[in-house]
Protein backbone atom coordinates (compact mmCIF):
# COMPACT_ATOMS: atom_id res chain seq x y z
CA MET A 1 -64.29 -50.56 106.00
CA ILE A 2 -63.63 -48.41 109.16
CA LYS A 3 -66.82 -47.67 110.88
CA THR A 4 -67.99 -44.56 112.69
CA MET A 5 -66.12 -43.56 115.88
CA LYS A 6 -68.03 -43.55 119.06
CA THR A 7 -67.10 -41.85 122.31
CA LYS A 8 -64.55 -43.93 124.32
CA PRO A 9 -66.11 -45.20 127.56
CA ALA A 10 -65.09 -43.44 130.74
CA ASP A 11 -61.99 -45.08 132.15
CA THR A 12 -61.14 -44.92 135.83
CA SER A 13 -58.04 -47.20 135.44
CA GLY A 14 -55.50 -44.42 134.93
CA ALA A 15 -55.34 -44.65 131.18
CA GLY A 16 -56.51 -41.05 130.78
CA PRO A 17 -59.91 -39.49 129.91
CA ALA A 18 -61.27 -39.17 126.49
CA VAL A 19 -62.09 -35.73 124.95
CA SER A 20 -64.74 -35.31 122.33
CA ASN A 21 -63.63 -34.56 118.76
CA PRO A 22 -65.27 -34.61 115.40
CA ALA A 23 -65.45 -38.20 114.04
CA VAL A 24 -64.10 -39.53 110.77
CA SER A 25 -67.42 -40.15 109.05
CA ASN A 26 -70.24 -39.09 111.32
CA PRO A 27 -70.46 -35.70 112.95
CA ASP A 28 -72.77 -37.06 115.62
CA VAL A 29 -70.11 -39.28 117.25
CA SER A 30 -66.77 -38.61 118.75
CA ALA A 31 -63.15 -39.82 118.72
CA PRO A 32 -60.55 -39.66 121.57
CA GLN A 33 -58.10 -36.81 121.83
CA LEU A 34 -54.67 -38.27 122.30
CA ARG A 35 -52.98 -34.93 123.14
CA GLY A 36 -50.24 -35.07 120.46
CA ALA A 37 -46.96 -33.30 121.33
CA ASP A 38 -44.68 -31.03 119.37
CA VAL A 39 -41.50 -32.72 117.95
CA GLU A 40 -38.31 -30.66 117.64
CA VAL A 41 -35.17 -32.03 115.98
CA GLN A 42 -32.05 -29.75 115.84
CA GLY A 43 -28.66 -30.31 114.20
CA LEU A 44 -29.09 -34.08 113.95
CA HIS A 45 -26.11 -36.01 112.69
CA LYS A 46 -25.66 -39.78 112.42
CA SER A 47 -23.01 -41.87 110.80
CA PHE A 48 -22.44 -45.57 110.51
CA GLY A 49 -18.71 -46.16 110.13
CA ALA A 50 -17.42 -43.82 107.51
CA LYS A 51 -20.89 -43.27 105.97
CA ALA A 52 -22.66 -40.06 107.01
CA VAL A 53 -26.40 -40.85 106.99
CA LEU A 54 -27.89 -37.68 108.60
CA ARG A 55 -26.15 -34.35 108.06
CA GLY A 56 -27.46 -31.61 110.28
CA VAL A 57 -31.23 -32.19 110.08
CA ASP A 58 -33.55 -29.59 111.59
CA LEU A 59 -37.28 -30.44 111.69
CA THR A 60 -40.25 -29.25 113.65
CA VAL A 61 -43.54 -31.11 113.73
CA SER A 62 -46.49 -29.29 115.26
CA ALA A 63 -48.78 -31.06 117.78
CA GLY A 64 -51.75 -32.79 116.19
CA THR A 65 -50.33 -32.66 112.59
CA LEU A 66 -49.10 -35.29 110.19
CA THR A 67 -45.63 -34.69 108.69
CA ALA A 68 -44.34 -36.91 105.84
CA VAL A 69 -40.59 -37.40 105.65
CA LEU A 70 -40.16 -38.11 101.95
CA GLY A 71 -37.08 -39.27 100.14
CA PRO A 72 -35.47 -42.04 98.07
CA SER A 73 -34.00 -45.22 99.40
CA GLY A 74 -30.77 -44.56 101.47
CA CYS A 75 -31.54 -40.87 102.16
CA GLY A 76 -31.62 -41.39 105.96
CA LYS A 77 -35.31 -41.25 106.56
CA THR A 78 -35.56 -44.60 108.37
CA THR A 79 -32.47 -43.62 110.49
CA LEU A 80 -34.34 -40.37 111.46
CA LEU A 81 -37.38 -42.38 112.43
CA ARG A 82 -35.31 -44.82 114.57
CA ILE A 83 -33.69 -41.87 116.47
CA LEU A 84 -37.12 -40.33 117.21
CA ALA A 85 -38.23 -43.81 118.51
CA GLY A 86 -35.18 -44.13 120.68
CA PHE A 87 -33.76 -47.25 118.87
CA ASP A 88 -30.69 -45.38 117.77
CA ASP A 89 -28.74 -42.45 119.36
CA PRO A 90 -27.62 -39.42 117.29
CA ASP A 91 -23.87 -38.57 117.07
CA ALA A 92 -24.82 -34.92 117.51
CA GLY A 93 -27.99 -32.84 117.83
CA THR A 94 -31.10 -32.92 120.03
CA VAL A 95 -34.53 -34.49 119.92
CA ARG A 96 -37.38 -32.90 121.92
CA ILE A 97 -40.95 -34.09 122.25
CA GLY A 98 -43.41 -32.09 124.13
CA GLY A 99 -40.67 -29.79 125.33
CA HIS A 100 -38.73 -32.65 126.98
CA THR A 101 -35.24 -33.43 125.72
CA LEU A 102 -35.08 -37.12 124.83
CA ALA A 103 -31.64 -37.20 123.10
CA GLY A 104 -28.72 -34.87 123.03
CA GLY A 105 -29.08 -33.51 126.61
CA GLY A 106 -27.10 -36.12 128.50
CA ALA A 107 -28.17 -39.76 128.76
CA PRO A 108 -30.86 -40.49 126.11
CA VAL A 109 -34.34 -41.41 127.29
CA PRO A 110 -34.89 -45.12 126.44
CA ALA A 111 -37.55 -46.05 123.88
CA HIS A 112 -39.97 -47.58 126.32
CA ARG A 113 -40.13 -44.24 128.32
CA ARG A 114 -40.73 -41.96 125.37
CA ARG A 115 -44.51 -42.54 124.70
CA VAL A 116 -43.73 -42.77 121.08
CA GLY A 117 -45.82 -45.31 119.12
CA LEU A 118 -44.62 -47.18 116.07
CA MET A 119 -46.56 -48.59 113.07
CA PRO A 120 -43.93 -50.59 111.18
CA GLN A 121 -43.98 -52.00 107.66
CA GLU A 122 -46.43 -54.82 107.20
CA GLY A 123 -47.91 -54.26 110.73
CA ALA A 124 -45.46 -56.72 112.57
CA LEU A 125 -48.33 -58.25 114.53
CA PHE A 126 -47.60 -61.19 116.87
CA PRO A 127 -48.81 -64.21 114.99
CA HIS A 128 -49.59 -66.33 118.05
CA LEU A 129 -51.84 -63.67 119.62
CA SER A 130 -55.42 -62.82 118.67
CA VAL A 131 -56.42 -59.41 117.29
CA ALA A 132 -57.59 -58.35 120.75
CA GLU A 133 -54.43 -59.59 122.37
CA ASN A 134 -52.29 -57.67 119.80
CA ILE A 135 -54.06 -54.47 120.61
CA ALA A 136 -53.81 -55.13 124.38
CA PHE A 137 -50.06 -55.78 124.24
CA GLY A 138 -49.01 -52.24 125.11
CA LEU A 139 -51.66 -51.97 127.88
CA ARG A 140 -50.14 -54.55 130.32
CA ARG A 141 -49.77 -52.03 133.11
CA THR A 142 -53.39 -51.02 132.71
CA ARG A 143 -56.11 -52.58 135.00
CA ARG A 144 -57.83 -55.50 133.42
CA ALA A 145 -61.21 -53.83 133.25
CA GLY A 146 -59.87 -50.69 131.63
CA ARG A 147 -57.78 -52.77 129.28
CA ALA A 148 -60.78 -54.64 128.00
CA ASP A 149 -62.73 -51.36 127.47
CA THR A 150 -59.82 -49.82 125.63
CA VAL A 151 -59.44 -52.84 123.35
CA ARG A 152 -63.17 -52.99 122.63
CA TYR A 153 -63.15 -49.31 121.76
CA TRP A 154 -60.29 -49.40 119.33
CA LEU A 155 -61.68 -52.56 117.72
CA GLU A 156 -64.85 -50.57 116.96
CA VAL A 157 -62.86 -47.56 115.73
CA VAL A 158 -60.99 -49.66 113.09
CA GLY A 159 -64.10 -51.68 112.24
CA LEU A 160 -62.91 -55.09 113.42
CA GLU A 161 -65.08 -55.67 116.39
CA GLY A 162 -66.16 -58.99 114.93
CA ALA A 163 -62.58 -60.18 114.54
CA ALA A 164 -61.37 -59.93 118.09
CA GLU A 165 -60.43 -63.58 118.43
CA ALA A 166 -58.99 -63.96 114.92
CA ARG A 167 -55.31 -64.53 114.36
CA PRO A 168 -53.33 -62.14 112.02
CA HIS A 169 -53.04 -64.78 109.29
CA GLU A 170 -56.79 -64.86 109.03
CA LEU A 171 -56.94 -61.17 108.11
CA SER A 172 -56.37 -59.33 104.89
CA GLY A 173 -53.38 -56.95 104.52
CA GLY A 174 -55.57 -53.93 105.14
CA GLN A 175 -57.17 -55.37 108.17
CA GLN A 176 -53.62 -56.28 109.63
CA GLN A 177 -52.69 -52.69 109.21
CA ARG A 178 -55.71 -51.47 111.01
CA VAL A 179 -54.85 -53.78 113.92
CA ALA A 180 -51.38 -52.40 113.90
CA LEU A 181 -52.78 -48.85 114.05
CA ALA A 182 -55.18 -49.82 116.87
CA ARG A 183 -52.35 -51.40 118.93
CA ALA A 184 -50.16 -48.32 118.46
CA LEU A 185 -52.89 -45.82 119.42
CA ALA A 186 -54.34 -47.77 122.30
CA ALA A 187 -51.29 -47.01 124.41
CA GLU A 188 -52.07 -43.27 123.82
CA PRO A 189 -48.63 -42.15 122.45
CA ARG A 190 -47.68 -38.49 122.24
CA VAL A 191 -46.32 -39.14 118.87
CA LEU A 192 -46.91 -41.95 116.33
CA LEU A 193 -44.26 -42.93 113.89
CA LEU A 194 -45.28 -44.72 110.62
CA ASP A 195 -42.49 -46.61 108.76
CA GLU A 196 -43.85 -47.04 105.23
CA PRO A 197 -46.91 -48.88 106.65
CA PHE A 198 -48.72 -49.20 103.29
CA VAL A 199 -45.85 -50.58 101.17
CA ALA A 200 -46.96 -54.20 101.12
CA LEU A 201 -50.66 -53.43 100.14
CA ASP A 202 -51.98 -53.78 96.63
CA ALA A 203 -52.33 -50.38 94.90
CA GLY A 204 -56.11 -50.03 95.20
CA LEU A 205 -56.16 -51.12 98.80
CA ARG A 206 -53.20 -49.04 99.64
CA VAL A 207 -55.09 -45.77 98.75
CA ARG A 208 -58.14 -46.72 100.71
CA VAL A 209 -56.35 -47.89 103.87
CA ARG A 210 -54.04 -44.93 103.98
CA GLU A 211 -56.93 -42.47 103.66
CA GLU A 212 -58.87 -44.28 106.39
CA ILE A 213 -55.80 -44.34 108.69
CA ALA A 214 -55.08 -40.64 108.04
CA ALA A 215 -58.73 -39.80 108.96
CA ILE A 216 -58.46 -41.66 112.28
CA LEU A 217 -55.16 -39.88 113.13
CA ARG A 218 -56.64 -36.44 112.46
CA ALA A 219 -59.86 -37.14 114.33
CA ALA A 220 -57.83 -38.33 117.30
CA GLY A 221 -55.47 -35.25 117.29
CA THR A 222 -52.44 -37.50 117.08
CA THR A 223 -49.07 -36.10 116.12
CA ALA A 224 -47.65 -38.34 113.42
CA VAL A 225 -44.51 -38.74 111.43
CA LEU A 226 -44.82 -40.86 108.29
CA VAL A 227 -41.70 -42.03 106.44
CA THR A 228 -42.29 -42.86 102.80
CA HIS A 229 -40.69 -42.86 99.31
CA ASP A 230 -44.15 -42.67 97.78
CA GLN A 231 -44.72 -39.07 96.48
CA SER A 232 -48.45 -39.39 96.06
CA GLU A 233 -48.75 -40.76 99.61
CA ALA A 234 -46.72 -37.86 101.06
CA LEU A 235 -48.58 -35.13 99.08
CA SER A 236 -52.09 -36.41 99.67
CA LEU A 237 -51.94 -37.33 103.39
CA ALA A 238 -49.55 -34.92 105.07
CA ASP A 239 -50.03 -31.49 106.49
CA SER A 240 -46.35 -30.83 105.91
CA VAL A 241 -43.71 -32.63 103.81
CA ALA A 242 -40.01 -32.84 104.69
CA LEU A 243 -37.96 -33.75 101.60
CA LEU A 244 -34.85 -35.65 102.75
CA MET A 245 -32.16 -36.17 100.13
CA ASP A 246 -28.67 -37.54 100.86
CA GLY A 247 -29.06 -36.99 104.57
CA ARG A 248 -30.10 -33.37 104.37
CA LEU A 249 -33.50 -31.73 104.34
CA ALA A 250 -33.81 -30.25 100.83
CA GLN A 251 -37.12 -28.56 101.63
CA VAL A 252 -39.87 -28.46 104.20
CA GLY A 253 -43.32 -27.09 103.51
CA ALA A 254 -46.98 -27.66 102.64
CA PRO A 255 -47.50 -30.32 100.01
CA ALA A 256 -48.57 -27.74 97.41
CA ASP A 257 -45.38 -25.78 97.90
CA ILE A 258 -43.24 -28.84 97.68
CA TYR A 259 -44.79 -29.77 94.29
CA GLU A 260 -45.34 -26.36 92.81
CA ARG A 261 -42.29 -24.56 94.20
CA PRO A 262 -39.45 -27.17 94.60
CA ALA A 263 -36.24 -25.74 95.95
CA THR A 264 -34.01 -27.44 93.28
CA PRO A 265 -34.43 -29.29 90.07
CA ALA A 266 -33.49 -32.53 91.84
CA ALA A 267 -36.35 -31.86 94.34
CA ALA A 268 -38.72 -31.23 91.38
CA ARG A 269 -37.71 -34.46 89.79
CA PHE A 270 -38.21 -36.54 92.83
CA VAL A 271 -41.64 -35.18 93.75
CA GLY A 272 -43.12 -35.56 90.23
CA ALA A 273 -42.72 -35.77 86.46
CA THR A 274 -40.90 -32.90 84.91
CA VAL A 275 -40.33 -31.27 81.58
CA GLU A 276 -36.92 -29.52 81.52
CA LEU A 277 -35.87 -26.90 78.97
CA PRO A 278 -32.87 -24.61 78.64
CA GLY A 279 -33.67 -20.95 78.85
CA GLN A 280 -32.39 -17.45 79.55
CA ALA A 281 -33.56 -15.26 82.44
CA ARG A 282 -33.70 -11.43 82.09
CA ASP A 283 -35.40 -9.04 84.50
CA GLY A 284 -37.69 -11.70 86.02
CA VAL A 285 -38.78 -13.06 82.61
CA VAL A 286 -37.61 -16.47 81.30
CA HIS A 287 -37.26 -17.00 77.56
CA THR A 288 -37.38 -20.54 76.11
CA ALA A 289 -38.48 -22.45 72.95
CA LEU A 290 -41.96 -22.36 74.36
CA GLY A 291 -42.01 -18.59 74.55
CA SER A 292 -41.41 -16.01 77.31
CA HIS A 293 -42.92 -16.38 80.74
CA PRO A 294 -42.62 -14.72 84.28
CA ALA A 295 -40.28 -16.59 86.63
CA ARG A 296 -42.34 -18.19 89.50
CA LEU A 297 -39.35 -17.67 91.99
CA PRO A 298 -36.47 -15.24 91.94
CA VAL A 299 -33.64 -16.15 89.56
CA PRO A 300 -30.58 -14.23 88.47
CA ASP A 301 -30.22 -13.13 84.85
CA GLY A 302 -28.42 -15.61 82.62
CA PRO A 303 -28.66 -19.22 81.49
CA VAL A 304 -31.30 -21.21 83.44
CA VAL A 305 -32.97 -24.67 83.57
CA VAL A 306 -36.66 -24.38 83.27
CA VAL A 307 -38.67 -27.01 85.01
CA LEU A 308 -42.41 -27.54 84.11
CA ARG A 309 -44.88 -30.23 84.98
CA PRO A 310 -46.38 -32.10 82.07
CA GLU A 311 -49.91 -30.88 83.08
CA GLU A 312 -48.73 -27.24 82.76
CA LEU A 313 -48.38 -27.59 78.92
CA ARG A 314 -51.30 -27.31 76.59
CA LEU A 315 -51.74 -28.73 73.08
CA GLU A 316 -53.35 -26.48 70.44
CA ARG A 317 -53.86 -26.53 66.77
CA SER A 318 -50.81 -25.24 64.95
CA ARG A 319 -51.19 -21.52 64.31
CA ASP A 320 -49.22 -18.26 64.20
CA GLY A 321 -47.99 -17.03 67.65
CA VAL A 322 -47.91 -20.55 69.26
CA PRO A 323 -44.70 -22.47 69.42
CA ALA A 324 -44.81 -25.23 66.79
CA ALA A 325 -44.11 -28.83 67.46
CA ALA A 326 -44.57 -32.30 65.82
CA VAL A 327 -46.18 -35.25 67.56
CA GLN A 328 -43.73 -38.04 68.14
CA SER A 329 -45.82 -40.50 70.10
CA VAL A 330 -49.27 -40.81 71.81
CA ARG A 331 -50.04 -42.99 74.79
CA PHE A 332 -53.55 -43.41 76.01
CA TYR A 333 -54.17 -44.32 79.58
CA GLY A 334 -57.96 -43.82 79.89
CA PRO A 335 -58.39 -40.72 82.04
CA GLN A 336 -55.49 -39.02 80.24
CA SER A 337 -53.07 -39.29 77.31
CA ALA A 338 -49.29 -38.59 77.26
CA VAL A 339 -48.24 -36.92 73.95
CA GLN A 340 -44.64 -36.65 73.20
CA VAL A 341 -43.85 -33.71 70.86
CA ARG A 342 -40.59 -32.26 69.27
CA LEU A 343 -40.15 -28.51 69.47
CA ALA A 344 -38.56 -26.43 66.79
CA ASP A 345 -35.22 -26.55 68.51
CA ASP A 346 -35.38 -30.40 68.66
CA THR A 347 -36.25 -30.43 72.38
CA VAL A 348 -38.66 -33.32 73.07
CA VAL A 349 -41.27 -32.70 75.77
CA THR A 350 -44.27 -34.74 77.09
CA VAL A 351 -47.76 -33.05 77.41
CA LEU A 352 -50.58 -34.58 79.43
CA THR A 353 -54.13 -34.23 78.08
CA ALA A 354 -57.58 -35.26 79.49
CA GLY A 355 -58.90 -38.37 77.82
CA ASP A 356 -58.13 -38.97 74.19
CA ALA A 357 -55.70 -36.35 72.93
CA GLY A 358 -57.18 -36.48 69.42
CA VAL A 359 -53.85 -36.14 67.60
CA SER A 360 -51.70 -38.51 65.58
CA VAL A 361 -47.99 -39.16 65.20
CA GLY A 362 -46.43 -36.75 62.75
CA GLU A 363 -49.14 -34.18 63.11
CA PRO A 364 -48.10 -30.52 63.55
CA VAL A 365 -49.45 -28.99 66.77
CA GLY A 366 -48.99 -25.89 68.94
CA VAL A 367 -47.61 -26.06 72.54
CA ARG A 368 -48.47 -23.39 75.06
CA VAL A 369 -47.52 -22.77 78.69
CA ASP A 370 -50.03 -20.81 80.92
CA GLY A 371 -48.70 -18.62 83.73
CA SER A 372 -45.34 -18.50 85.31
CA VAL A 373 -42.49 -21.02 85.14
CA LEU A 374 -39.88 -22.44 87.55
CA ALA A 375 -36.37 -21.56 86.56
CA TYR A 376 -33.08 -22.38 88.25
CA PRO A 377 -29.58 -21.18 87.55
CA ALA A 378 -27.87 -23.46 84.99
CA PRO A 379 -25.30 -25.78 86.47
CA GLY A 380 -22.13 -23.85 87.48
CA ARG A 381 -23.97 -20.65 88.21
CA PRO A 382 -24.72 -19.17 91.65
CA PRO A 383 -28.26 -19.77 93.06
CA ALA A 384 -30.90 -17.20 93.28
CA ARG A 385 -31.05 -14.73 96.19
CA SER A 386 -34.55 -14.13 97.59
């Protein structure tokens, strides 16, 4: 468990002063301000041989915020992270951090001069060094007294002050990730890059550790870029989500916008479970087997693909005025049930209900949609104009 964060001791060694900031779990204590910097990426292209990995990526990350770059395997998100870190150079485009051009404006600034921290997968701790020595690794140019104070401080922030002399193999996976975070932040980076740092943790531990780490980053005012393929991780932790698909940014926005107003059906499918129906759009209203509903986003008249989330559907008793369906299967998961139903036009959809759905296979039911729906031009039709 990460403990309350205390004010960093005054440091006269040149490592920089601490600035008070609300702590993670106790309003009476303070966390350091690390003075996060803006990140600006413009027109970024990168190919490896004949394979284009990044295709004109534009991305802005505001200082002190956490942006998640979300996408499937092979979409280019790790390559983007490596270019930000200075491990790879772009073929075209620019990278600026804190207003300074680091790539694309002549000779690229090498990785060790960028003040960009990295928290890699599985922590990548040095096995022959103690916890304290791992944290101190990036502080070799700091005076010994200041270095000891900084290590002691970050050990307390991540709740491992009693494990300073332990070796990495003596720690749990979650503890190792906290050490990796402390090591990265101790060097006071302007930007912290996180490369799927929770992927090796068990599911329950993963949720707890990522929430603790996000709380520390926000309390410290760090600018962070998280690369992940985990939708729940991106949506729950980030201030902004950049959805990267096939080397291009499909959409950038607040987590709620990415989930509730995806730019394309493909984006909707990647971010969460979908229910898709054919429909017809006319004058801003979409007509489907589930009834007629206002379109959530502009869509031209004609054939459309309607995309719903399973939780947007409601089961009712079969009655006049409610689209009829027959229950095909019921799966109970404890907090919720997934009920698969067949509509009158033979379309099969899944409805999520709280707890036990209270229906049986073969039972007639009604299916209702509340509010507006997402609709996209059917394949082969031009996209909507806003």
